[in-house]
C-alpha atoms as a PDB file:
ATOM      1  CA  MET A   1      84.896  23.960  74.212  1.00  0.00           C
ATOM      2  CA  GLN A   2      83.013  22.655  71.207  1.00  0.00           C
ATOM      3  CA  TYR A   3      84.517  22.814  67.731  1.00  0.00           C
ATOM      4  CA  PHE A   4      82.256  22.745  64.672  1.00  0.00           C
ATOM      5  CA  LEU A   5      84.505  22.325  61.656  1.00  0.00           C
ATOM      6  CA  ASP A   6      83.680  22.422  57.981  1.00  0.00           C
ATOM      7  CA  PHE A   7      85.061  19.504  55.955  1.00  0.00           C
ATOM      8  CA  ASP A   8      86.145  20.634  52.453  1.00  0.00           C
ATOM      9  CA  ARG A   9      89.187  22.940  52.520  1.00  0.00           C
ATOM     10  CA  THR A  10      89.075  23.091  56.311  1.00  0.00           C
ATOM     11  CA  VAL A  11      90.171  19.608  57.371  1.00  0.00           C
ATOM     12  CA  PHE A  12      90.259  17.949  53.921  1.00  0.00           C
ATOM     13  CA  ASP A  13      92.351  18.954  50.891  1.00  0.00           C
ATOM     14  CA  THR A  14      89.515  18.815  48.390  1.00  0.00           C
ATOM     15  CA  ASP A  15      91.445  20.587  45.636  1.00  0.00           C
ATOM     16  CA  ALA A  16      94.323  18.086  45.754  1.00  0.00           C
ATOM     17  CA  MET A  17      91.854  15.197  45.710  1.00  0.00           C
ATOM     18  CA  TYR A  18      90.128  16.515  42.581  1.00  0.00           C
ATOM     19  CA  ILE A  19      93.462  17.096  40.835  1.00  0.00           C
ATOM     20  CA  GLU A  20      94.392  13.468  41.493  1.00  0.00           C
ATOM     21  CA  MET A  21      90.913  12.224  40.616  1.00  0.00           C
ATOM     22  CA  ARG A  22      91.062  13.931  37.210  1.00  0.00           C
ATOM     23  CA  LYS A  23      94.115  11.819  36.375  1.00  0.00           C
ATOM     24  CA  HIS A  24      92.014   8.657  36.704  1.00  0.00           C
ATOM     25  CA  VAL A  25      88.433   9.439  35.709  1.00  0.00           C
ATOM     26  CA  ASP A  26      86.620  11.458  33.082  1.00  0.00           C
ATOM     27  CA  GLU A  27      85.396  14.893  34.161  1.00  0.00           C
ATOM     28  CA  ALA A  28      81.771  13.772  33.685  1.00  0.00           C
ATOM     29  CA  VAL A  29      82.240  11.064  36.353  1.00  0.00           C
ATOM     30  CA  ILE A  30      83.602  13.392  39.049  1.00  0.00           C
ATOM     31  CA  GLY A  31      81.075  13.844  41.805  1.00  0.00           C
ATOM     32  CA  THR A  32      79.717  10.326  41.508  1.00  0.00           C
ATOM     33  CA  LEU A  33      80.209   7.607  44.101  1.00  0.00           C
ATOM     34  CA  SER A  34      82.303   5.601  41.620  1.00  0.00           C
ATOM     35  CA  SER A  35      84.737   8.523  41.221  1.00  0.00           C
ATOM     36  CA  LEU A  36      85.693   8.105  44.883  1.00  0.00           C
ATOM     37  CA  ASP A  37      87.103   4.668  44.027  1.00  0.00           C
ATOM     38  CA  SER A  38      89.860   6.375  41.998  1.00  0.00           C
ATOM     39  CA  VAL A  39      91.525   7.974  45.046  1.00  0.00           C
ATOM     40  CA  GLU A  40      92.388   7.163  48.659  1.00  0.00           C
ATOM     41  CA  THR A  41      90.337   9.842  50.383  1.00  0.00           C
ATOM     42  CA  LYS A  42      92.056   9.235  53.713  1.00  0.00           C
ATOM     43  CA  ASP A  43      95.253  10.606  52.154  1.00  0.00           C
ATOM     44  CA  TYR A  44      93.742  14.090  51.844  1.00  0.00           C
ATOM     45  CA  LEU A  45      93.205  15.054  55.474  1.00  0.00           C
ATOM     46  CA  PHE A  46      95.401  18.070  56.161  1.00  0.00           C
ATOM     47  CA  LYS A  47      98.316  17.313  58.490  1.00  0.00           C
ATOM     48  CA  ASP A  48      97.410  20.192  60.803  1.00  0.00           C
ATOM     49  CA  ALA A  49      93.876  18.766  61.024  1.00  0.00           C
ATOM     50  CA  LEU A  50      95.296  15.429  62.180  1.00  0.00           C
ATOM     51  CA  ASP A  51      97.449  17.297  64.716  1.00  0.00           C
ATOM     52  CA  PHE A  52      94.375  19.180  65.922  1.00  0.00           C
ATOM     53  CA  PHE A  53      92.355  15.973  66.276  1.00  0.00           C
ATOM     54  CA  ASN A  54      95.143  14.301  68.216  1.00  0.00           C
ATOM     55  CA  ASN A  55      95.399  17.249  70.623  1.00  0.00           C
ATOM     56  CA  HIS A  56      91.671  17.693  71.313  1.00  0.00           C
ATOM     57  CA  LYS A  57      88.981  15.372  72.620  1.00  0.00           C
ATOM     58  CA  ALA A  58      86.899  13.714  69.899  1.00  0.00           C
ATOM     59  CA  SER A  59      83.787  14.372  71.979  1.00  0.00           C
ATOM     60  CA  ASP A  60      84.349  18.139  71.476  1.00  0.00           C
ATOM     61  CA  ILE A  61      84.709  18.026  67.669  1.00  0.00           C
ATOM     62  CA  PHE A  62      81.898  17.983  65.108  1.00  0.00           C
ATOM     63  CA  ILE A  63      82.321  17.953  61.341  1.00  0.00           C
ATOM     64  CA  VAL A  64      79.589  19.933  59.586  1.00  0.00           C
ATOM     65  CA  SER A  65      79.720  19.495  55.823  1.00  0.00           C
ATOM     66  CA  SER A  66      77.389  20.916  53.210  1.00  0.00           C
ATOM     67  CA  CYS A  67      76.696  19.624  49.712  1.00  0.00           C
ATOM     68  CA  ILE A  68      77.059  23.204  48.440  1.00  0.00           C
ATOM     69  CA  GLY A  69      80.605  24.501  48.154  1.00  0.00           C
ATOM     70  CA  LYS A  70      83.324  25.952  45.942  1.00  0.00           C
ATOM     71  CA  SER A  71      83.580  22.740  43.897  1.00  0.00           C
ATOM     72  CA  GLY A  72      79.884  22.648  43.053  1.00  0.00           C
ATOM     73  CA  MET A  73      76.714  21.172  44.443  1.00  0.00           C
ATOM     74  CA  TRP A  74      77.053  17.479  45.129  1.00  0.00           C
ATOM     75  CA  ASP A  75      74.487  14.835  45.860  1.00  0.00           C
ATOM     76  CA  ILE A  76      74.262  14.273  49.608  1.00  0.00           C
ATOM     77  CA  SER A  77      75.164  10.584  49.215  1.00  0.00           C
ATOM     78  CA  TYR A  78      78.396  11.561  47.430  1.00  0.00           C
ATOM     79  CA  GLN A  79      79.318  14.147  50.060  1.00  0.00           C
ATOM     80  CA  ARG A  80      78.516  11.773  52.932  1.00  0.00           C
ATOM     81  CA  GLU A  81      80.579   8.983  51.349  1.00  0.00           C
ATOM     82  CA  LYS A  82      83.528  11.318  50.739  1.00  0.00           C
ATOM     83  CA  VAL A  83      83.478  12.432  54.377  1.00  0.00           C
ATOM     84  CA  GLU A  84      83.139   8.867  55.694  1.00  0.00           C
ATOM     85  CA  ARG A  85      85.873   7.454  53.442  1.00  0.00           C
ATOM     86  CA  SER A  86      88.308  10.085  54.693  1.00  0.00           C
ATOM     87  CA  GLY A  87      88.506   8.156  57.969  1.00  0.00           C
ATOM     88  CA  ILE A  88      87.761  11.278  59.970  1.00  0.00           C
ATOM     89  CA  GLY A  89      85.030   9.574  61.980  1.00  0.00           C
ATOM     90  CA  LYS A  90      87.483   8.139  64.494  1.00  0.00           C
ATOM     91  CA  TYR A  91      88.654  11.645  65.438  1.00  0.00           C
ATOM     92  CA  VAL A  92      85.307  13.358  65.997  1.00  0.00           C
ATOM     93  CA  SER A  93      82.041  13.041  67.895  1.00  0.00           C
ATOM     94  CA  GLU A  94      79.708  13.422  64.892  1.00  0.00           C
ATOM     95  CA  LEU A  95      79.834  13.660  61.097  1.00  0.00           C
ATOM     96  CA  LEU A  96      77.028  15.980  60.054  1.00  0.00           C
ATOM     97  CA  VAL A  97      76.425  16.167  56.304  1.00  0.00           C
ATOM     98  CA  VAL A  98      73.664  18.553  55.261  1.00  0.00           C
ATOM     99  CA  GLU A  99      72.137  19.509  51.943  1.00  0.00           C
ATOM    100  CA  THR A 100      72.009  23.247  52.538  1.00  0.00           C
ATOM    101  CA  THR A 101      72.317  25.153  55.803  1.00  0.00           C
ATOM    102  CA  LYS A 102      74.636  24.122  58.624  1.00  0.00           C
ATOM    103  CA  VAL A 103      72.673  26.086  61.243  1.00  0.00           C
ATOM    104  CA  ASN A 104      70.201  23.392  62.313  1.00  0.00           C
ATOM    105  CA  ALA A 105      72.894  20.702  62.498  1.00  0.00           C
ATOM    106  CA  ILE A 106      75.012  22.901  64.765  1.00  0.00           C
ATOM    107  CA  LYS A 107      72.045  23.922  66.931  1.00  0.00           C
ATOM    108  CA  LYS A 108      71.193  20.250  67.485  1.00  0.00           C
ATOM    109  CA  TYR A 109      74.586  19.593  69.147  1.00  0.00           C
ATOM    110  CA  LEU A 110      75.323  22.982  70.692  1.00  0.00           C
ATOM    111  CA  LYS A 111      75.636  22.728  74.481  1.00  0.00           C
ATOM    112  CA  ALA A 112      74.227  25.666  76.405  1.00  0.00           C
ATOM    113  CA  GLY A 113      76.828  27.379  78.562  1.00  0.00           C
ATOM    114  CA  THR A 114      79.734  25.876  76.604  1.00  0.00           C
ATOM    115  CA  SER A 115      82.022  28.009  74.449  1.00  0.00           C
ATOM    116  CA  SER A 116      81.766  27.052  70.792  1.00  0.00           C
ATOM    117  CA  LEU A 117      83.764  27.758  67.673  1.00  0.00           C
ATOM    118  CA  PHE A 118      82.727  27.349  64.024  1.00  0.00           C
ATOM    119  CA  VAL A 119      85.390  27.199  61.285  1.00  0.00           C
ATOM    120  CA  ASP A 120      84.672  27.364  57.561  1.00  0.00           C
ATOM    121  CA  ASP A 121      86.397  28.608  54.416  1.00  0.00           C
ATOM    122  CA  LEU A 122      83.220  30.100  52.917  1.00  0.00           C
ATOM    123  CA  GLU A 123      81.999  33.509  54.043  1.00  0.00           C
ATOM    124  CA  ARG A 124      78.353  32.672  53.321  1.00  0.00           C
ATOM    125  CA  HIS A 125      78.435  29.759  55.777  1.00  0.00           C
ATOM    126  CA  LEU A 126      80.189  31.890  58.405  1.00  0.00           C
ATOM    127  CA  HIS A 127      77.642  34.690  58.062  1.00  0.00           C
ATOM    128  CA  GLU A 128      74.671  32.337  58.141  1.00  0.00           C
ATOM    129  CA  VAL A 129      75.839  30.509  61.267  1.00  0.00           C
ATOM    130  CA  HIS A 130      76.868  33.722  63.033  1.00  0.00           C
ATOM    131  CA  GLU A 131      73.518  35.365  62.178  1.00  0.00           C
ATOM    132  CA  HIS A 132      71.447  32.478  63.548  1.00  0.00           C
ATOM    133  CA  ILE A 133      73.768  31.471  66.401  1.00  0.00           C
ATOM    134  CA  PRO A 134      75.365  34.749  67.565  1.00  0.00           C
ATOM    135  CA  GLU A 135      76.888  33.139  70.661  1.00  0.00           C
ATOM    136  CA  ILE A 136      79.204  30.978  68.525  1.00  0.00           C
ATOM    137  CA  THR A 137      82.638  32.318  67.596  1.00  0.00           C
ATOM    138  CA  ALA A 138      83.056  32.121  63.822  1.00  0.00           C
ATOM    139  CA  CYS A 139      86.487  31.839  62.235  1.00  0.00           C
ATOM    140  CA  CYS A 140      87.528  31.817  58.580  1.00  0.00           C
ATOM    141  CA  ILE A 141      90.195  29.389  57.403  1.00  0.00           C
ATOM    142  CA  ASP A 142      92.078  30.449  54.274  1.00  0.00           C
ATOM    143  CA  ARG A 143      94.326  27.755  52.857  1.00  0.00           C
ATOM    144  CA  THR A 144      94.989  29.618  49.592  1.00  0.00           C
ATOM    145  CA  GLY A 145      98.190  31.222  50.847  1.00  0.00           C
ATOM    146  CA  GLY A 146      96.723  34.652  50.162  1.00  0.00           C
ATOM    147  CA  VAL A 147      96.184  37.526  52.542  1.00  0.00           C
ATOM    148  CA  GLY A 148      92.538  36.630  53.134  1.00  0.00           C
ATOM    149  CA  ASN A 149      89.675  39.049  53.536  1.00  0.00           C
ATOM    150  CA  SER A 150      87.000  38.394  56.108  1.00  0.00           C
ATOM    151  CA  GLU A 151      85.200  40.203  58.901  1.00  0.00           C
ATOM    152  CA  PHE A 152      85.872  37.074  60.970  1.00  0.00           C
ATOM    153  CA  PRO A 153      89.278  36.126  62.390  1.00  0.00           C
ATOM    154  CA  ILE A 154      91.355  34.436  59.669  1.00  0.00           C
ATOM    155  CA  ILE A 155      93.605  31.441  60.234  1.00  0.00           C
ATOM    156  CA  LYS A 156      95.778  29.570  57.750  1.00  0.00           C
ATOM    157  CA  SER A 157      95.916  26.339  59.748  1.00  0.00           C
ATOM    158  CA  LEU A 158      93.981  24.652  62.533  1.00  0.00           C
ATOM    159  CA  ASN A 159      97.171  24.958  64.608  1.00  0.00           C
ATOM    160  CA  GLU A 160      96.247  28.658  64.998  1.00  0.00           C
ATOM    161  CA  LEU A 161      92.714  27.967  66.207  1.00  0.00           C
ATOM    162  CA  ASP A 162      93.247  27.980  69.947  1.00  0.00           C
ATOM    163  CA  GLY A 163      94.997  31.348  69.609  1.00  0.00           C
ATOM    164  CA  VAL A 164      91.805  32.872  68.165  1.00  0.00           C
ATOM    165  CA  LEU A 165      90.039  32.180  71.432  1.00  0.00           C
ATOM    166  CA  LYS A 166      92.696  34.003  73.472  1.00  0.00           C
ATOM    167  CA  VAL A 167      92.378  37.239  71.492  1.00  0.00           C
END
């Protein structure tokens, strides 16, 4: 099984990081490399993500992060640095940071004949990947605590992910 996981709001608590960051830097600085110095990014990996990483082989896990998200559009160097500083690299096979679409990054690592799962919190990324790679199972993660509304299976935590495959 291959797992292609989004970064922001999937394995990393981006909202909590920005709340903390705003306590230390001016709003105009947020999204710059220097703003990352105001927080310990490794402190914002979700606990269930760490549990997931510890219970699955790193060689099966790929982080696919886009510069376009709910928080805005970030420079690729900022997004890459944020992902790398989180310390997630030791838990996964590859850190893939892309400027726009995640499709080509996933296709590059997709193994033929192997079941694959893509998890993201944004519908547009789920639709795009599912449209171009129909053999991948797409799953929406909703960490808002709400009911969630998606045509894809919805999970609240990565602890629920293996259950999606058994449905």
